[in-house]
N, C-alpha and C. Protein backbone atom coordinates (compact mmCIF):
# COMPACT_ATOMS: atom_id res chain seq x y z
N MET A 1 0.85 -1.20 0.00
CA MET A 1 0.00 0.00 0.00
C MET A 1 0.88 1.24 0.00
N ASP A 2 0.65 2.16 -0.92
CA ASP A 2 1.45 3.39 -1.01
C ASP A 2 0.85 4.43 -0.11
N LEU A 3 1.63 4.83 0.92
CA LEU A 3 1.13 5.80 1.88
C LEU A 3 1.55 7.21 1.53
N HIS A 4 2.29 7.40 0.44
CA HIS A 4 2.73 8.75 0.10
C HIS A 4 1.55 9.61 -0.32
N ARG A 5 1.56 10.85 0.11
CA ARG A 5 0.46 11.76 -0.13
C ARG A 5 0.48 12.26 -1.57
N PRO A 6 -0.64 12.26 -2.30
CA PRO A 6 -0.70 12.84 -3.63
C PRO A 6 -0.65 14.35 -3.55
N ALA A 7 -0.93 15.00 -4.66
CA ALA A 7 -0.79 16.45 -4.73
C ALA A 7 -1.55 17.14 -3.63
N ILE A 8 -0.93 18.20 -3.08
CA ILE A 8 -1.60 19.00 -2.07
C ILE A 8 -2.89 19.54 -2.67
N GLY A 9 -3.91 19.59 -1.93
CA GLY A 9 -5.19 20.07 -2.43
C GLY A 9 -6.19 18.95 -2.35
N ALA A 10 -6.00 17.93 -3.21
CA ALA A 10 -6.93 16.81 -3.19
C ALA A 10 -6.89 16.10 -1.85
N ARG A 11 -5.65 15.82 -1.35
CA ARG A 11 -5.52 15.12 -0.08
C ARG A 11 -6.03 15.97 1.07
N VAL A 12 -5.63 17.23 1.08
CA VAL A 12 -6.05 18.11 2.17
C VAL A 12 -7.56 18.29 2.15
N HIS A 13 -8.15 18.47 0.96
CA HIS A 13 -9.60 18.64 0.85
C HIS A 13 -10.31 17.40 1.36
N GLU A 14 -9.81 16.21 0.95
CA GLU A 14 -10.44 14.96 1.39
C GLU A 14 -10.38 14.82 2.90
N GLN A 15 -9.21 15.12 3.47
CA GLN A 15 -9.06 14.96 4.92
C GLN A 15 -9.91 15.96 5.69
N ARG A 16 -10.06 17.17 5.17
CA ARG A 16 -10.87 18.17 5.86
C ARG A 16 -12.33 17.78 5.90
N LEU A 17 -12.77 17.01 4.92
CA LEU A 17 -14.17 16.62 4.87
C LEU A 17 -14.48 15.44 5.78
N ARG A 18 -13.44 14.74 6.22
CA ARG A 18 -13.67 13.55 7.05
C ARG A 18 -13.88 13.93 8.50
N ALA A 19 -14.77 13.20 9.13
CA ALA A 19 -15.02 13.46 10.56
C ALA A 19 -13.88 12.93 11.38
N ASP A 20 -13.54 13.66 12.44
CA ASP A 20 -12.51 13.22 13.37
C ASP A 20 -13.05 12.05 14.20
N SER A 21 -12.12 11.25 14.67
CA SER A 21 -12.51 10.05 15.43
C SER A 21 -12.31 10.25 16.93
N ALA A 22 -12.38 11.47 17.42
CA ALA A 22 -12.13 11.73 18.84
C ALA A 22 -13.21 11.11 19.70
N GLY A 23 -12.85 10.77 20.92
CA GLY A 23 -13.77 10.19 21.88
C GLY A 23 -13.27 10.44 23.28
N PRO A 24 -13.84 9.78 24.28
CA PRO A 24 -13.44 10.01 25.66
C PRO A 24 -11.97 9.65 25.88
N ALA A 25 -11.32 10.43 26.71
CA ALA A 25 -9.90 10.21 26.99
C ALA A 25 -9.73 9.03 27.93
N ARG A 26 -8.62 8.30 27.74
CA ARG A 26 -8.24 7.28 28.69
C ARG A 26 -7.33 7.92 29.74
N ARG A 27 -7.39 7.44 30.94
CA ARG A 27 -6.54 7.97 31.99
C ARG A 27 -5.13 7.42 31.81
N GLU A 28 -4.15 8.35 31.71
CA GLU A 28 -2.76 7.96 31.60
C GLU A 28 -1.95 8.84 32.54
N ARG A 29 -0.80 8.33 32.94
CA ARG A 29 0.03 9.07 33.87
C ARG A 29 0.69 10.24 33.16
N THR A 30 0.62 11.42 33.75
CA THR A 30 1.22 12.61 33.18
C THR A 30 2.73 12.55 33.34
N PRO A 31 3.50 12.88 32.28
CA PRO A 31 4.95 12.82 32.37
C PRO A 31 5.47 13.76 33.45
N CYS A 32 6.58 13.39 34.04
CA CYS A 32 7.17 14.20 35.11
C CYS A 32 8.17 15.18 34.52
N GLY A 33 8.43 16.22 35.27
CA GLY A 33 9.54 17.10 34.94
C GLY A 33 9.18 18.32 34.15
N TYR A 34 7.92 18.59 33.85
CA TYR A 34 7.55 19.74 33.04
C TYR A 34 6.99 20.82 33.93
N THR A 35 7.79 21.86 34.14
CA THR A 35 7.39 22.92 35.05
C THR A 35 7.36 24.28 34.38
N GLY A 36 7.89 24.41 33.16
CA GLY A 36 7.93 25.70 32.48
C GLY A 36 6.56 26.09 31.97
N ALA A 37 6.36 27.40 31.74
CA ALA A 37 5.09 27.90 31.22
C ALA A 37 4.98 27.59 29.74
N VAL A 38 3.78 27.19 29.31
CA VAL A 38 3.54 26.92 27.90
C VAL A 38 3.75 28.21 27.12
N GLY A 39 4.42 28.09 25.96
CA GLY A 39 4.64 29.24 25.10
C GLY A 39 5.97 29.92 25.33
N GLN A 40 6.77 29.48 26.30
CA GLN A 40 8.06 30.08 26.57
C GLN A 40 9.16 29.09 26.25
N PRO A 41 9.98 29.38 25.20
CA PRO A 41 11.08 28.46 24.87
C PRO A 41 12.05 28.36 26.03
N ARG A 42 12.40 27.14 26.41
CA ARG A 42 13.38 27.00 27.48
C ARG A 42 14.77 27.09 26.88
N ARG A 43 15.73 27.56 27.66
CA ARG A 43 17.12 27.60 27.23
C ARG A 43 17.81 26.37 27.80
N LEU A 44 18.23 25.53 26.89
CA LEU A 44 18.73 24.22 27.28
C LEU A 44 20.25 24.19 27.26
N ARG A 45 20.81 23.52 28.25
CA ARG A 45 22.23 23.19 28.20
C ARG A 45 22.30 21.67 28.23
N VAL A 46 22.78 21.08 27.15
CA VAL A 46 22.77 19.63 27.01
C VAL A 46 24.17 19.14 26.70
N GLN A 47 24.39 17.88 27.00
CA GLN A 47 25.65 17.23 26.64
C GLN A 47 25.45 16.70 25.23
N ALA A 48 25.87 17.48 24.23
CA ALA A 48 25.53 17.18 22.85
C ALA A 48 26.29 15.97 22.34
N HIS A 49 25.59 15.14 21.53
CA HIS A 49 26.20 13.98 20.90
C HIS A 49 26.20 14.13 19.38
N PHE A 50 26.02 15.35 18.88
CA PHE A 50 26.07 15.57 17.45
C PHE A 50 27.13 16.63 17.21
N ALA A 51 28.24 16.22 16.57
CA ALA A 51 29.42 17.06 16.47
C ALA A 51 29.21 18.27 15.56
N GLU A 52 28.36 18.12 14.53
CA GLU A 52 28.27 19.18 13.54
C GLU A 52 27.35 20.32 13.95
N SER A 53 26.60 20.22 15.04
CA SER A 53 25.65 21.25 15.43
C SER A 53 25.98 21.79 16.81
N PRO A 54 25.75 23.09 17.06
CA PRO A 54 25.94 23.64 18.39
C PRO A 54 24.83 23.17 19.32
N GLU A 55 25.00 23.37 20.61
CA GLU A 55 23.96 23.03 21.56
C GLU A 55 22.71 23.85 21.27
N PRO A 56 21.52 23.25 21.38
CA PRO A 56 20.28 23.96 21.04
C PRO A 56 19.85 24.91 22.13
N ARG A 57 20.27 26.16 22.04
CA ARG A 57 19.95 27.13 23.09
C ARG A 57 19.05 28.25 22.57
N GLY A 58 18.72 28.26 21.30
CA GLY A 58 18.05 29.40 20.69
C GLY A 58 16.62 29.58 21.13
N GLY A 59 16.02 30.69 20.70
CA GLY A 59 14.63 30.98 20.98
C GLY A 59 13.83 31.04 19.69
N LYS A 60 12.89 31.95 19.64
CA LYS A 60 12.01 32.06 18.50
C LYS A 60 12.75 32.59 17.28
N ARG A 61 12.44 32.04 16.11
CA ARG A 61 13.04 32.47 14.85
C ARG A 61 11.96 32.93 13.89
N LYS A 62 12.42 33.65 12.86
CA LYS A 62 11.49 33.99 11.78
C LYS A 62 11.18 32.73 11.00
N ARG A 63 10.00 32.73 10.37
CA ARG A 63 9.57 31.60 9.54
C ARG A 63 10.60 31.32 8.47
N ARG A 64 11.11 30.10 8.42
CA ARG A 64 12.09 29.75 7.40
C ARG A 64 11.37 29.25 6.15
N PRO A 65 11.99 29.38 4.97
CA PRO A 65 11.34 28.90 3.75
C PRO A 65 11.28 27.38 3.73
N GLY A 66 10.34 26.84 2.93
CA GLY A 66 10.23 25.40 2.79
C GLY A 66 9.17 24.81 3.68
N PRO A 67 9.00 23.49 3.62
CA PRO A 67 7.97 22.82 4.42
C PRO A 67 8.23 22.96 5.91
N LEU A 68 7.15 22.90 6.66
CA LEU A 68 7.27 22.91 8.12
C LEU A 68 7.75 21.55 8.61
N ARG A 69 8.55 21.56 9.66
CA ARG A 69 9.12 20.33 10.19
C ARG A 69 8.33 19.82 11.38
N PHE A 70 8.37 18.50 11.56
CA PHE A 70 7.92 17.91 12.81
C PHE A 70 8.99 16.94 13.27
N VAL A 71 9.01 16.67 14.57
CA VAL A 71 9.92 15.67 15.11
C VAL A 71 9.23 15.00 16.29
N ILE A 72 9.51 13.72 16.47
CA ILE A 72 9.08 12.99 17.66
C ILE A 72 10.34 12.44 18.30
N GLN A 73 10.62 12.89 19.52
CA GLN A 73 11.82 12.47 20.22
C GLN A 73 11.45 11.56 21.38
N GLU A 74 12.05 10.39 21.41
CA GLU A 74 11.87 9.51 22.57
C GLU A 74 12.75 10.05 23.68
N HIS A 75 12.17 10.22 24.86
CA HIS A 75 12.87 10.89 25.96
C HIS A 75 12.79 10.00 27.21
N ALA A 76 13.93 9.40 27.54
CA ALA A 76 14.00 8.55 28.73
C ALA A 76 14.37 9.42 29.92
N ALA A 77 13.41 10.18 30.40
CA ALA A 77 13.59 11.03 31.57
C ALA A 77 13.14 10.24 32.80
N SER A 78 12.66 10.94 33.83
CA SER A 78 12.17 10.23 35.01
C SER A 78 11.00 9.32 34.65
N SER A 79 10.27 9.68 33.60
CA SER A 79 9.21 8.85 33.05
C SER A 79 9.38 8.82 31.53
N LEU A 80 9.53 7.63 30.96
CA LEU A 80 9.72 7.52 29.52
C LEU A 80 8.50 8.06 28.78
N HIS A 81 8.74 8.90 27.77
CA HIS A 81 7.65 9.45 26.97
C HIS A 81 8.20 9.86 25.61
N TYR A 82 7.30 10.32 24.75
CA TYR A 82 7.66 10.75 23.41
C TYR A 82 7.24 12.21 23.24
N ASP A 83 8.18 13.06 22.88
CA ASP A 83 7.90 14.49 22.69
C ASP A 83 7.52 14.74 21.23
N PHE A 84 6.28 15.11 21.02
CA PHE A 84 5.73 15.38 19.69
C PHE A 84 5.84 16.88 19.45
N ARG A 85 6.58 17.28 18.40
CA ARG A 85 6.87 18.70 18.20
C ARG A 85 6.53 19.12 16.76
N LEU A 86 5.83 20.23 16.65
CA LEU A 86 5.46 20.80 15.36
C LEU A 86 6.08 22.19 15.22
N GLU A 87 6.67 22.46 14.08
CA GLU A 87 7.18 23.81 13.82
C GLU A 87 6.00 24.75 13.57
N VAL A 88 5.85 25.73 14.46
CA VAL A 88 4.78 26.71 14.36
C VAL A 88 5.33 28.06 14.82
N GLY A 89 5.25 29.07 13.98
CA GLY A 89 5.62 30.41 14.38
C GLY A 89 7.06 30.58 14.82
N GLY A 90 7.98 29.82 14.23
CA GLY A 90 9.39 29.99 14.53
C GLY A 90 9.90 29.21 15.72
N VAL A 91 9.05 28.37 16.31
CA VAL A 91 9.47 27.51 17.42
C VAL A 91 8.88 26.12 17.20
N LEU A 92 9.26 25.19 18.05
CA LEU A 92 8.64 23.86 18.06
C LEU A 92 7.61 23.81 19.17
N GLN A 93 6.33 23.87 18.79
CA GLN A 93 5.29 23.67 19.80
C GLN A 93 5.28 22.18 20.15
N SER A 94 5.15 21.88 21.44
CA SER A 94 5.49 20.54 21.92
C SER A 94 4.45 19.95 22.85
N TRP A 95 4.31 18.63 22.74
CA TRP A 95 3.43 17.84 23.59
C TRP A 95 4.18 16.59 24.04
N ALA A 96 4.07 16.24 25.31
CA ALA A 96 4.65 15.00 25.82
C ALA A 96 3.59 13.91 25.78
N VAL A 97 3.89 12.83 25.05
CA VAL A 97 2.94 11.73 24.84
C VAL A 97 3.48 10.50 25.56
N PRO A 98 2.92 10.14 26.72
CA PRO A 98 3.49 9.05 27.52
C PRO A 98 3.62 7.73 26.77
N LYS A 99 2.61 7.36 26.00
CA LYS A 99 2.64 6.07 25.31
C LYS A 99 3.12 6.17 23.87
N GLY A 100 3.43 7.37 23.40
CA GLY A 100 3.85 7.54 22.03
C GLY A 100 2.68 7.54 21.07
N PRO A 101 2.91 7.88 19.81
CA PRO A 101 1.83 7.93 18.82
C PRO A 101 1.35 6.54 18.44
N SER A 102 0.08 6.46 18.07
CA SER A 102 -0.51 5.20 17.62
C SER A 102 -1.02 5.35 16.19
N THR A 103 -0.99 4.24 15.44
CA THR A 103 -1.56 4.23 14.10
C THR A 103 -2.97 3.65 14.10
N ASP A 104 -3.50 3.39 15.28
CA ASP A 104 -4.86 2.85 15.43
C ASP A 104 -5.81 3.99 15.77
N PRO A 105 -6.78 4.30 14.89
CA PRO A 105 -7.71 5.41 15.17
C PRO A 105 -8.54 5.23 16.43
N ARG A 106 -8.63 4.01 16.93
CA ARG A 106 -9.39 3.79 18.16
C ARG A 106 -8.62 4.21 19.41
N GLU A 107 -7.31 4.38 19.27
CA GLU A 107 -6.47 4.77 20.40
C GLU A 107 -6.45 6.29 20.52
N LYS A 108 -6.70 6.76 21.73
CA LYS A 108 -6.68 8.20 22.01
C LYS A 108 -5.57 8.45 23.01
N ARG A 109 -4.44 8.93 22.53
CA ARG A 109 -3.25 9.03 23.36
C ARG A 109 -3.17 10.40 24.05
N LEU A 110 -2.98 10.35 25.36
CA LEU A 110 -2.79 11.57 26.12
C LEU A 110 -1.57 12.32 25.61
N ALA A 111 -1.70 13.64 25.44
CA ALA A 111 -0.59 14.49 25.00
C ALA A 111 -0.63 15.75 25.86
N VAL A 112 0.36 15.91 26.73
CA VAL A 112 0.41 17.04 27.65
C VAL A 112 1.24 18.16 27.00
N GLN A 113 0.62 19.31 26.80
CA GLN A 113 1.34 20.41 26.17
C GLN A 113 2.39 20.95 27.12
N VAL A 114 3.60 21.10 26.60
CA VAL A 114 4.72 21.62 27.38
C VAL A 114 5.24 22.88 26.68
N GLU A 115 6.29 23.46 27.23
CA GLU A 115 6.80 24.72 26.68
C GLU A 115 7.37 24.53 25.28
N ASP A 116 7.35 25.62 24.50
CA ASP A 116 7.93 25.60 23.18
C ASP A 116 9.44 25.35 23.28
N HIS A 117 9.99 24.77 22.22
CA HIS A 117 11.43 24.52 22.14
C HIS A 117 11.99 25.23 20.90
N PRO A 118 13.27 25.57 20.91
CA PRO A 118 13.89 26.17 19.74
C PRO A 118 13.94 25.20 18.57
N LEU A 119 13.94 25.72 17.35
CA LEU A 119 13.95 24.87 16.16
C LEU A 119 15.19 23.97 16.13
N ASP A 120 16.32 24.46 16.63
CA ASP A 120 17.54 23.66 16.62
C ASP A 120 17.37 22.34 17.36
N TYR A 121 16.43 22.31 18.29
CA TYR A 121 16.26 21.12 19.11
C TYR A 121 15.73 19.94 18.31
N ALA A 122 15.19 20.19 17.12
CA ALA A 122 14.63 19.12 16.30
C ALA A 122 15.67 18.07 15.93
N ASP A 123 16.94 18.44 15.89
CA ASP A 123 18.00 17.51 15.50
C ASP A 123 18.76 16.93 16.68
N PHE A 124 18.34 17.26 17.89
CA PHE A 124 19.12 16.86 19.05
C PHE A 124 18.93 15.40 19.42
N GLU A 125 20.06 14.73 19.60
CA GLU A 125 20.13 13.42 20.23
C GLU A 125 21.25 13.48 21.25
N GLY A 126 21.04 12.88 22.39
CA GLY A 126 22.09 12.87 23.39
C GLY A 126 21.52 12.76 24.78
N GLU A 127 22.27 13.25 25.74
CA GLU A 127 21.86 13.17 27.13
C GLU A 127 21.76 14.55 27.72
N ILE A 128 20.61 14.87 28.30
CA ILE A 128 20.42 16.14 28.99
C ILE A 128 20.99 15.99 30.39
N GLU A 129 21.78 16.95 30.78
CA GLU A 129 22.45 16.88 32.07
C GLU A 129 21.45 16.91 33.21
N ALA A 130 21.94 16.66 34.40
CA ALA A 130 21.10 16.63 35.60
C ALA A 130 20.29 17.91 35.72
N GLY A 131 19.07 17.78 36.16
CA GLY A 131 18.19 18.94 36.30
C GLY A 131 16.93 18.74 35.50
N TYR A 132 16.45 19.83 34.96
CA TYR A 132 15.20 19.82 34.21
C TYR A 132 15.24 18.81 33.06
N GLY A 133 14.32 17.86 33.03
CA GLY A 133 14.21 16.92 31.91
C GLY A 133 15.40 16.02 31.72
N ALA A 134 16.20 15.82 32.75
CA ALA A 134 17.42 15.03 32.61
C ALA A 134 17.10 13.64 32.08
N GLY A 135 17.92 13.18 31.12
CA GLY A 135 17.71 11.86 30.56
C GLY A 135 18.21 11.79 29.13
N ARG A 136 18.05 10.63 28.51
CA ARG A 136 18.54 10.39 27.16
C ARG A 136 17.45 10.68 26.13
N VAL A 137 17.88 11.15 24.96
CA VAL A 137 16.94 11.57 23.90
C VAL A 137 17.41 11.03 22.56
N ILE A 138 16.49 10.48 21.77
CA ILE A 138 16.77 10.16 20.37
C ILE A 138 15.67 10.76 19.49
N VAL A 139 16.01 10.95 18.22
CA VAL A 139 15.02 11.39 17.23
C VAL A 139 14.32 10.14 16.72
N TRP A 140 13.16 9.85 17.29
CA TRP A 140 12.44 8.62 16.94
C TRP A 140 11.82 8.72 15.55
N ASP A 141 11.32 9.88 15.17
CA ASP A 141 10.81 10.10 13.81
C ASP A 141 10.90 11.58 13.49
N SER A 142 10.97 11.90 12.22
CA SER A 142 11.00 13.30 11.79
C SER A 142 10.58 13.39 10.35
N GLY A 143 10.21 14.60 9.95
CA GLY A 143 9.78 14.82 8.57
C GLY A 143 9.11 16.18 8.46
N THR A 144 8.14 16.27 7.57
CA THR A 144 7.42 17.53 7.34
C THR A 144 5.94 17.33 7.67
N TRP A 145 5.26 18.47 7.84
CA TRP A 145 3.84 18.39 8.15
C TRP A 145 3.11 19.56 7.52
N GLU A 146 1.80 19.40 7.38
CA GLU A 146 0.95 20.51 6.95
C GLU A 146 -0.39 20.39 7.66
N SER A 147 -1.05 21.51 7.77
CA SER A 147 -2.33 21.55 8.48
C SER A 147 -3.46 21.06 7.58
N LEU A 148 -4.37 20.30 8.16
CA LEU A 148 -5.60 19.89 7.48
C LEU A 148 -6.79 20.72 7.97
N THR A 149 -6.52 21.66 8.86
CA THR A 149 -7.56 22.50 9.43
C THR A 149 -7.58 23.85 8.74
N ASP A 150 -8.75 24.34 8.38
CA ASP A 150 -8.86 25.65 7.74
C ASP A 150 -8.40 26.75 8.68
N GLY A 151 -7.79 27.78 8.09
CA GLY A 151 -7.39 28.94 8.88
C GLY A 151 -5.99 28.81 9.45
N PRO A 152 -5.51 29.85 10.11
CA PRO A 152 -4.16 29.84 10.68
C PRO A 152 -4.01 28.75 11.75
N VAL A 153 -2.85 28.14 11.75
CA VAL A 153 -2.56 27.10 12.73
C VAL A 153 -2.64 27.64 14.15
N GLU A 154 -2.13 28.86 14.34
CA GLU A 154 -2.16 29.45 15.68
C GLU A 154 -3.59 29.57 16.20
N ASP A 155 -4.52 29.92 15.31
CA ASP A 155 -5.92 30.02 15.73
C ASP A 155 -6.49 28.65 16.09
N ALA A 156 -6.14 27.65 15.29
CA ALA A 156 -6.63 26.29 15.57
C ALA A 156 -6.12 25.80 16.93
N LEU A 157 -4.86 26.07 17.23
CA LEU A 157 -4.32 25.65 18.52
C LEU A 157 -4.97 26.42 19.66
N GLU A 158 -5.22 27.70 19.44
CA GLU A 158 -5.89 28.50 20.46
C GLU A 158 -7.29 27.96 20.75
N GLN A 159 -7.96 27.48 19.69
CA GLN A 159 -9.31 26.94 19.83
C GLN A 159 -9.31 25.49 20.30
N GLY A 160 -8.14 24.87 20.33
CA GLY A 160 -8.03 23.53 20.90
C GLY A 160 -8.32 22.38 19.96
N HIS A 161 -8.17 22.60 18.64
CA HIS A 161 -8.41 21.50 17.70
C HIS A 161 -7.58 21.74 16.44
N LEU A 162 -6.67 20.81 16.16
CA LEU A 162 -5.82 20.90 14.98
C LEU A 162 -5.65 19.52 14.38
N SER A 163 -5.88 19.41 13.07
CA SER A 163 -5.60 18.18 12.34
C SER A 163 -4.41 18.42 11.41
N VAL A 164 -3.51 17.45 11.36
CA VAL A 164 -2.28 17.61 10.60
C VAL A 164 -2.03 16.38 9.73
N TRP A 165 -1.26 16.59 8.68
CA TRP A 165 -0.77 15.49 7.85
C TRP A 165 0.73 15.39 8.06
N LEU A 166 1.21 14.23 8.50
CA LEU A 166 2.62 14.00 8.75
C LEU A 166 3.23 13.20 7.61
N GLU A 167 4.41 13.62 7.18
CA GLU A 167 5.21 12.86 6.21
C GLU A 167 6.55 12.56 6.87
N GLY A 168 6.56 11.50 7.68
CA GLY A 168 7.77 11.12 8.38
C GLY A 168 8.36 9.84 7.82
N GLU A 169 9.43 9.39 8.46
CA GLU A 169 10.05 8.14 8.04
C GLU A 169 9.32 6.92 8.60
N LYS A 170 8.67 7.09 9.74
CA LYS A 170 7.89 6.01 10.33
C LYS A 170 6.39 6.27 10.26
N LEU A 171 6.00 7.52 10.38
CA LEU A 171 4.59 7.88 10.41
C LEU A 171 4.22 8.69 9.18
N ARG A 172 3.13 8.28 8.53
CA ARG A 172 2.58 9.04 7.41
C ARG A 172 1.07 9.02 7.52
N GLY A 173 0.45 10.16 7.31
CA GLY A 173 -1.00 10.23 7.36
C GLY A 173 -1.48 11.35 8.25
N GLY A 174 -2.77 11.31 8.55
CA GLY A 174 -3.39 12.37 9.33
C GLY A 174 -3.52 12.01 10.80
N TRP A 175 -3.30 13.02 11.65
CA TRP A 175 -3.52 12.90 13.09
C TRP A 175 -4.27 14.14 13.55
N THR A 176 -5.02 14.01 14.61
CA THR A 176 -5.75 15.13 15.19
C THR A 176 -5.28 15.36 16.62
N LEU A 177 -5.08 16.63 16.95
CA LEU A 177 -4.83 17.06 18.33
C LEU A 177 -6.09 17.74 18.84
N GLN A 178 -6.65 17.23 19.92
CA GLN A 178 -7.88 17.77 20.50
C GLN A 178 -7.63 18.09 21.97
N ARG A 179 -7.78 19.38 22.34
CA ARG A 179 -7.57 19.74 23.74
C ARG A 179 -8.76 19.31 24.58
N THR A 180 -8.48 18.71 25.72
CA THR A 180 -9.54 18.24 26.62
C THR A 180 -9.53 18.97 27.95
N ARG A 181 -8.42 19.63 28.27
CA ARG A 181 -8.32 20.34 29.54
C ARG A 181 -7.30 21.47 29.41
N GLY A 182 -7.63 22.63 29.97
CA GLY A 182 -6.72 23.77 29.94
C GLY A 182 -5.85 23.82 31.19
N GLY A 183 -5.47 25.03 31.58
CA GLY A 183 -4.65 25.20 32.76
C GLY A 183 -3.19 25.36 32.42
N ALA A 184 -2.34 25.26 33.45
CA ALA A 184 -0.90 25.47 33.27
C ALA A 184 -0.29 24.38 32.39
N LYS A 185 -0.83 23.16 32.43
CA LYS A 185 -0.35 22.06 31.60
C LYS A 185 -1.52 21.50 30.81
N PRO A 186 -1.90 22.16 29.72
CA PRO A 186 -3.07 21.70 28.96
C PRO A 186 -2.93 20.25 28.51
N GLN A 187 -4.02 19.52 28.61
CA GLN A 187 -4.04 18.13 28.17
C GLN A 187 -4.81 18.02 26.86
N TRP A 188 -4.24 17.26 25.93
CA TRP A 188 -4.81 17.04 24.61
C TRP A 188 -4.89 15.54 24.38
N LEU A 189 -5.60 15.17 23.31
CA LEU A 189 -5.56 13.81 22.79
C LEU A 189 -4.89 13.85 21.43
N LEU A 190 -4.03 12.87 21.17
CA LEU A 190 -3.42 12.68 19.85
C LEU A 190 -4.06 11.44 19.25
N ILE A 191 -4.77 11.62 18.13
CA ILE A 191 -5.60 10.55 17.57
C ILE A 191 -5.28 10.37 16.09
N LYS A 192 -5.06 9.13 15.68
CA LYS A 192 -4.85 8.82 14.26
C LYS A 192 -6.16 8.99 13.51
N ARG A 193 -6.12 9.67 12.37
CA ARG A 193 -7.29 9.80 11.52
C ARG A 193 -7.47 8.54 10.67
N ARG A 194 -8.70 8.35 10.22
CA ARG A 194 -9.02 7.15 9.44
C ARG A 194 -8.67 7.40 7.98
N ASP A 195 -7.47 6.98 7.60
CA ASP A 195 -7.01 7.11 6.23
C ASP A 195 -6.18 5.88 5.89
N GLU A 196 -5.52 5.88 4.75
CA GLU A 196 -4.77 4.69 4.34
C GLU A 196 -3.57 4.41 5.22
N GLY A 197 -3.16 5.38 6.04
CA GLY A 197 -2.06 5.16 6.97
C GLY A 197 -2.50 4.53 8.27
N ALA A 198 -3.80 4.43 8.50
CA ALA A 198 -4.30 3.83 9.74
C ALA A 198 -4.10 2.32 9.70
N ASP A 199 -3.60 1.77 10.81
CA ASP A 199 -3.34 0.34 10.86
C ASP A 199 -3.34 -0.10 12.32
N ALA A 200 -4.40 -0.77 12.73
CA ALA A 200 -4.52 -1.20 14.12
C ALA A 200 -3.52 -2.28 14.48
N ARG A 201 -2.94 -2.93 13.48
CA ARG A 201 -1.98 -4.01 13.75
C ARG A 201 -0.58 -3.48 14.02
N ARG A 202 -0.30 -2.29 13.54
CA ARG A 202 1.05 -1.73 13.74
C ARG A 202 1.21 -1.21 15.17
N ASN A 203 2.41 -1.32 15.68
CA ASN A 203 2.78 -0.70 16.94
C ASN A 203 4.20 -0.18 16.80
N PRO A 204 4.37 0.92 16.05
CA PRO A 204 5.73 1.37 15.69
C PRO A 204 6.59 1.72 16.90
N VAL A 205 5.97 2.14 18.00
CA VAL A 205 6.75 2.46 19.20
C VAL A 205 7.53 1.23 19.66
N SER A 206 6.92 0.05 19.56
CA SER A 206 7.56 -1.19 20.00
C SER A 206 8.42 -1.83 18.92
N THR A 207 7.94 -1.81 17.67
CA THR A 207 8.63 -2.54 16.60
C THR A 207 9.70 -1.73 15.91
N GLN A 208 9.69 -0.41 16.06
CA GLN A 208 10.68 0.44 15.43
C GLN A 208 11.28 1.41 16.46
N PRO A 209 12.05 0.89 17.40
CA PRO A 209 12.54 1.72 18.50
C PRO A 209 13.75 2.58 18.15
N GLU A 210 14.35 2.38 16.97
CA GLU A 210 15.61 3.02 16.66
C GLU A 210 15.44 4.48 16.20
N SER A 211 16.50 5.24 16.36
CA SER A 211 16.55 6.61 15.89
C SER A 211 16.58 6.66 14.37
N VAL A 212 15.87 7.62 13.78
CA VAL A 212 15.93 7.80 12.33
C VAL A 212 17.18 8.57 11.92
N ARG A 213 17.90 9.13 12.87
CA ARG A 213 19.14 9.84 12.57
C ARG A 213 20.36 8.94 12.68
N THR A 214 20.44 8.13 13.72
CA THR A 214 21.66 7.38 14.00
C THR A 214 21.47 5.87 14.03
N GLY A 215 20.22 5.41 14.08
CA GLY A 215 19.97 3.98 14.13
C GLY A 215 20.10 3.37 15.51
N ARG A 216 20.47 4.16 16.51
CA ARG A 216 20.61 3.62 17.86
C ARG A 216 19.30 3.77 18.63
N THR A 217 19.14 2.98 19.66
CA THR A 217 17.98 3.10 20.53
C THR A 217 18.32 4.03 21.68
N VAL A 218 17.28 4.42 22.42
CA VAL A 218 17.51 5.35 23.53
C VAL A 218 18.40 4.71 24.60
N ASP A 219 18.37 3.39 24.73
CA ASP A 219 19.21 2.72 25.71
C ASP A 219 20.68 2.72 25.30
N GLU A 220 20.95 2.96 24.02
CA GLU A 220 22.33 2.97 23.53
C GLU A 220 22.97 4.35 23.58
N VAL A 221 22.22 5.34 24.00
CA VAL A 221 22.79 6.69 24.13
C VAL A 221 23.63 6.74 25.39
N ASP A 222 24.86 7.25 25.24
CA ASP A 222 25.72 7.37 26.42
C ASP A 222 26.40 8.73 26.46
């Protein structure tokens, strides 16, 4: 089955017409270690394991040309989780997903919104030193994304509902982010949309644990 997206327009129009598969949230444990305010890029000091790039310390940038990026980083902190990040407005808007993304539309994965990260962080693999978010990180998946929701992305996020199309190395297809609770740590659901990329039999978090950048697993980071 070819999961590659055809020309923009037909695919986006088709996905916008489809009903979302959101439903009641399942109770999941909230990831530990997130204390920063949403919308404020944190300044990170990390023990970098990528020689060609500086440590990711930057803040907000102007919109760069080309497709928008997304990244999913497996983060073995005090509680293992997957950081789902979308390039929006010059930063990576971020959600911590305890169980990682699912390709089964029946699964509604808790996604806790955390502070924005600098764009440079999309390429980071390594170990964060002791303190905030300490632990090992790999780039579990990455690629480009586009919105399936009409209007500005910022407005959709403000209203608490955004559907996206991901073109990653492991994940391809539509997903919906639906906010279920506000507050200092807004809670969302990350839900696979019903398209040709949906597959209840797949469990990529378990069957494809390696980094798309280096091929190593999070346990192999030192």
